[in-house]
Amino acid sequence: MATKNLDKKLKRNQFETLPLGRNNFIAMAVAGAMIIIGFLLMLGGSSSEEAFNPDIFSTRRIVVGPVITFLGFVAMAIAVCFKPKATKEQQD
């Protein structure tokens, strides 16, 4: 009986010592979504020799998309550096 409790406690301690917590992974997923959205905003048709497409100079493609992508990369760096909160058991 005592070995079962010890095994459960050891497994729980292994997961508690992970360098990244649940909030880190959630923040990383949000940052990844921001990066993908930024790249999707930059997508669009291109100009060719036969036809000029003025949409390549739209604000969405040259300002909004890159800014959202950049903020996504910054958010990813912050999500990785963010230290998870210690639980009550770890503080004792």
C-alpha atoms as a PDB file:
ATOM      1  CA  MET A   1       0.000   0.000   0.000  1.00  0.00           C
ATOM      2  CA  ALA A   2       2.804   2.383   0.899  1.00  0.00           C
ATOM      3  CA  THR A   3       4.589   1.684  -2.379  1.00  0.00           C
ATOM      4  CA  LYS A   4       1.511   2.684  -4.390  1.00  0.00           C
ATOM      5  CA  ASN A   5       1.346   6.039  -2.616  1.00  0.00           C
ATOM      6  CA  LEU A   6       5.065   6.524  -3.108  1.00  0.00           C
ATOM      7  CA  ASP A   7       4.775   5.706  -6.821  1.00  0.00           C
ATOM      8  CA  LYS A   8       1.917   8.185  -7.250  1.00  0.00           C
ATOM      9  CA  LYS A   9       3.867  10.853  -5.403  1.00  0.00           C
ATOM     10  CA  LEU A  10       6.973  10.257  -7.538  1.00  0.00           C
ATOM     11  CA  LYS A  11       4.962  10.460 -10.772  1.00  0.00           C
ATOM     12  CA  ARG A  12       3.299  13.657  -9.591  1.00  0.00           C
ATOM     13  CA  ASN A  13       6.689  15.160  -8.682  1.00  0.00           C
ATOM     14  CA  GLN A  14       8.027  14.299 -12.139  1.00  0.00           C
ATOM     15  CA  PHE A  15       5.244  16.306 -13.781  1.00  0.00           C
ATOM     16  CA  GLU A  16       5.599  19.180 -11.322  1.00  0.00           C
ATOM     17  CA  THR A  17       9.251  19.639 -12.213  1.00  0.00           C
ATOM     18  CA  LEU A  18       8.604  20.186 -15.907  1.00  0.00           C
ATOM     19  CA  PRO A  19      10.164  23.443 -17.080  1.00  0.00           C
ATOM     20  CA  LEU A  20       6.989  24.626 -18.835  1.00  0.00           C
ATOM     21  CA  GLY A  21       3.539  24.630 -17.326  1.00  0.00           C
ATOM     22  CA  ARG A  22       0.052  24.463 -18.758  1.00  0.00           C
ATOM     23  CA  ASN A  23      -0.182  28.253 -19.099  1.00  0.00           C
ATOM     24  CA  ASN A  24       3.056  28.281 -21.097  1.00  0.00           C
ATOM     25  CA  PHE A  25       1.634  25.863 -23.640  1.00  0.00           C
ATOM     26  CA  ILE A  26      -1.618  27.809 -23.911  1.00  0.00           C
ATOM     27  CA  ALA A  27       0.303  31.049 -24.490  1.00  0.00           C
ATOM     28  CA  MET A  28       2.518  29.302 -27.054  1.00  0.00           C
ATOM     29  CA  ALA A  29      -0.570  28.047 -28.915  1.00  0.00           C
ATOM     30  CA  VAL A  30      -2.041  31.566 -28.988  1.00  0.00           C
ATOM     31  CA  ALA A  31       1.275  32.981 -30.226  1.00  0.00           C
ATOM     32  CA  GLY A  32       1.479  30.291 -32.910  1.00  0.00           C
ATOM     33  CA  ALA A  33      -2.036  31.152 -34.042  1.00  0.00           C
ATOM     34  CA  MET A  34      -1.057  34.843 -34.237  1.00  0.00           C
ATOM     35  CA  ILE A  35       1.922  33.963 -36.425  1.00  0.00           C
ATOM     36  CA  ILE A  36      -0.200  31.873 -38.772  1.00  0.00           C
ATOM     37  CA  ILE A  37      -2.890  34.578 -38.981  1.00  0.00           C
ATOM     38  CA  GLY A  38      -0.230  37.172 -39.781  1.00  0.00           C
ATOM     39  CA  PHE A  39       1.140  35.075 -42.626  1.00  0.00           C
ATOM     40  CA  LEU A  40      -2.364  34.413 -43.934  1.00  0.00           C
ATOM     41  CA  LEU A  41      -3.049  38.156 -43.973  1.00  0.00           C
ATOM     42  CA  MET A  42       0.033  38.640 -46.150  1.00  0.00           C
ATOM     43  CA  LEU A  43      -1.197  36.118 -48.742  1.00  0.00           C
ATOM     44  CA  GLY A  44      -2.723  37.197 -52.006  1.00  0.00           C
ATOM     45  CA  GLY A  45      -2.380  37.236 -55.749  1.00  0.00           C
ATOM     46  CA  SER A  46       0.757  38.547 -57.354  1.00  0.00           C
ATOM     47  CA  SER A  47       1.365  40.780 -60.311  1.00  0.00           C
ATOM     48  CA  SER A  48       2.461  39.356 -63.622  1.00  0.00           C
ATOM     49  CA  GLU A  49       3.944  40.850 -66.767  1.00  0.00           C
ATOM     50  CA  GLU A  50       0.518  40.974 -68.408  1.00  0.00           C
ATOM     51  CA  ALA A  51      -1.494  42.421 -65.529  1.00  0.00           C
ATOM     52  CA  PHE A  52      -0.574  44.644 -62.597  1.00  0.00           C
ATOM     53  CA  ASN A  53      -2.301  43.864 -59.324  1.00  0.00           C
ATOM     54  CA  PRO A  54      -2.412  46.990 -57.107  1.00  0.00           C
ATOM     55  CA  ASP A  55      -3.496  44.838 -54.153  1.00  0.00           C
ATOM     56  CA  ILE A  56       0.152  43.941 -53.512  1.00  0.00           C
ATOM     57  CA  PHE A  57       0.530  47.364 -51.890  1.00  0.00           C
ATOM     58  CA  SER A  58      -2.538  47.128 -49.642  1.00  0.00           C
ATOM     59  CA  THR A  59      -2.248  48.081 -45.989  1.00  0.00           C
ATOM     60  CA  ARG A  60      -3.356  44.619 -44.930  1.00  0.00           C
ATOM     61  CA  ARG A  61      -0.463  42.971 -46.766  1.00  0.00           C
ATOM     62  CA  ILE A  62       2.374  45.365 -45.957  1.00  0.00           C
ATOM     63  CA  VAL A  63       1.434  46.613 -42.467  1.00  0.00           C
ATOM     64  CA  VAL A  64      -1.194  44.578 -40.637  1.00  0.00           C
ATOM     65  CA  GLY A  65       0.083  41.099 -41.533  1.00  0.00           C
ATOM     66  CA  PRO A  66       3.741  41.728 -40.646  1.00  0.00           C
ATOM     67  CA  VAL A  67       2.828  43.521 -37.397  1.00  0.00           C
ATOM     68  CA  ILE A  68       0.619  40.635 -36.230  1.00  0.00           C
ATOM     69  CA  THR A  69       3.334  38.144 -37.213  1.00  0.00           C
ATOM     70  CA  PHE A  70       5.984  40.118 -35.317  1.00  0.00           C
ATOM     71  CA  LEU A  71       3.757  40.368 -32.238  1.00  0.00           C
ATOM     72  CA  GLY A  72       3.195  36.603 -32.476  1.00  0.00           C
ATOM     73  CA  PHE A  73       6.945  35.985 -32.405  1.00  0.00           C
ATOM     74  CA  VAL A  74       7.340  38.328 -29.430  1.00  0.00           C
ATOM     75  CA  ALA A  75       4.460  36.586 -27.648  1.00  0.00           C
ATOM     76  CA  MET A  76       6.110  33.221 -28.336  1.00  0.00           C
ATOM     77  CA  ALA A  77       9.347  34.399 -26.724  1.00  0.00           C
ATOM     78  CA  ILE A  78       7.445  35.686 -23.702  1.00  0.00           C
ATOM     79  CA  ALA A  79       5.458  32.437 -23.445  1.00  0.00           C
ATOM     80  CA  VAL A  80       8.654  30.389 -23.354  1.00  0.00           C
ATOM     81  CA  CYS A  81      10.342  32.671 -20.801  1.00  0.00           C
ATOM     82  CA  PHE A  82       7.302  32.917 -18.507  1.00  0.00           C
ATOM     83  CA  LYS A  83       7.985  31.003 -15.280  1.00  0.00           C
ATOM     84  CA  PRO A  84       5.144  28.758 -14.102  1.00  0.00           C
ATOM     85  CA  LYS A  85       3.742  29.456 -10.659  1.00  0.00           C
ATOM     86  CA  ALA A  86       4.880  27.140  -7.879  1.00  0.00           C
ATOM     87  CA  THR A  87       2.221  24.963  -6.288  1.00  0.00           C
ATOM     88  CA  LYS A  88       1.696  24.839  -2.528  1.00  0.00           C
ATOM     89  CA  GLU A  89       3.481  21.485  -2.328  1.00  0.00           C
ATOM     90  CA  GLN A  90       6.567  22.873  -4.077  1.00  0.00           C
ATOM     91  CA  GLN A  91       6.745  25.862  -1.733  1.00  0.00           C
ATOM     92  CA  ASP A  92       6.951  23.625   1.374  1.00  0.00           C
END
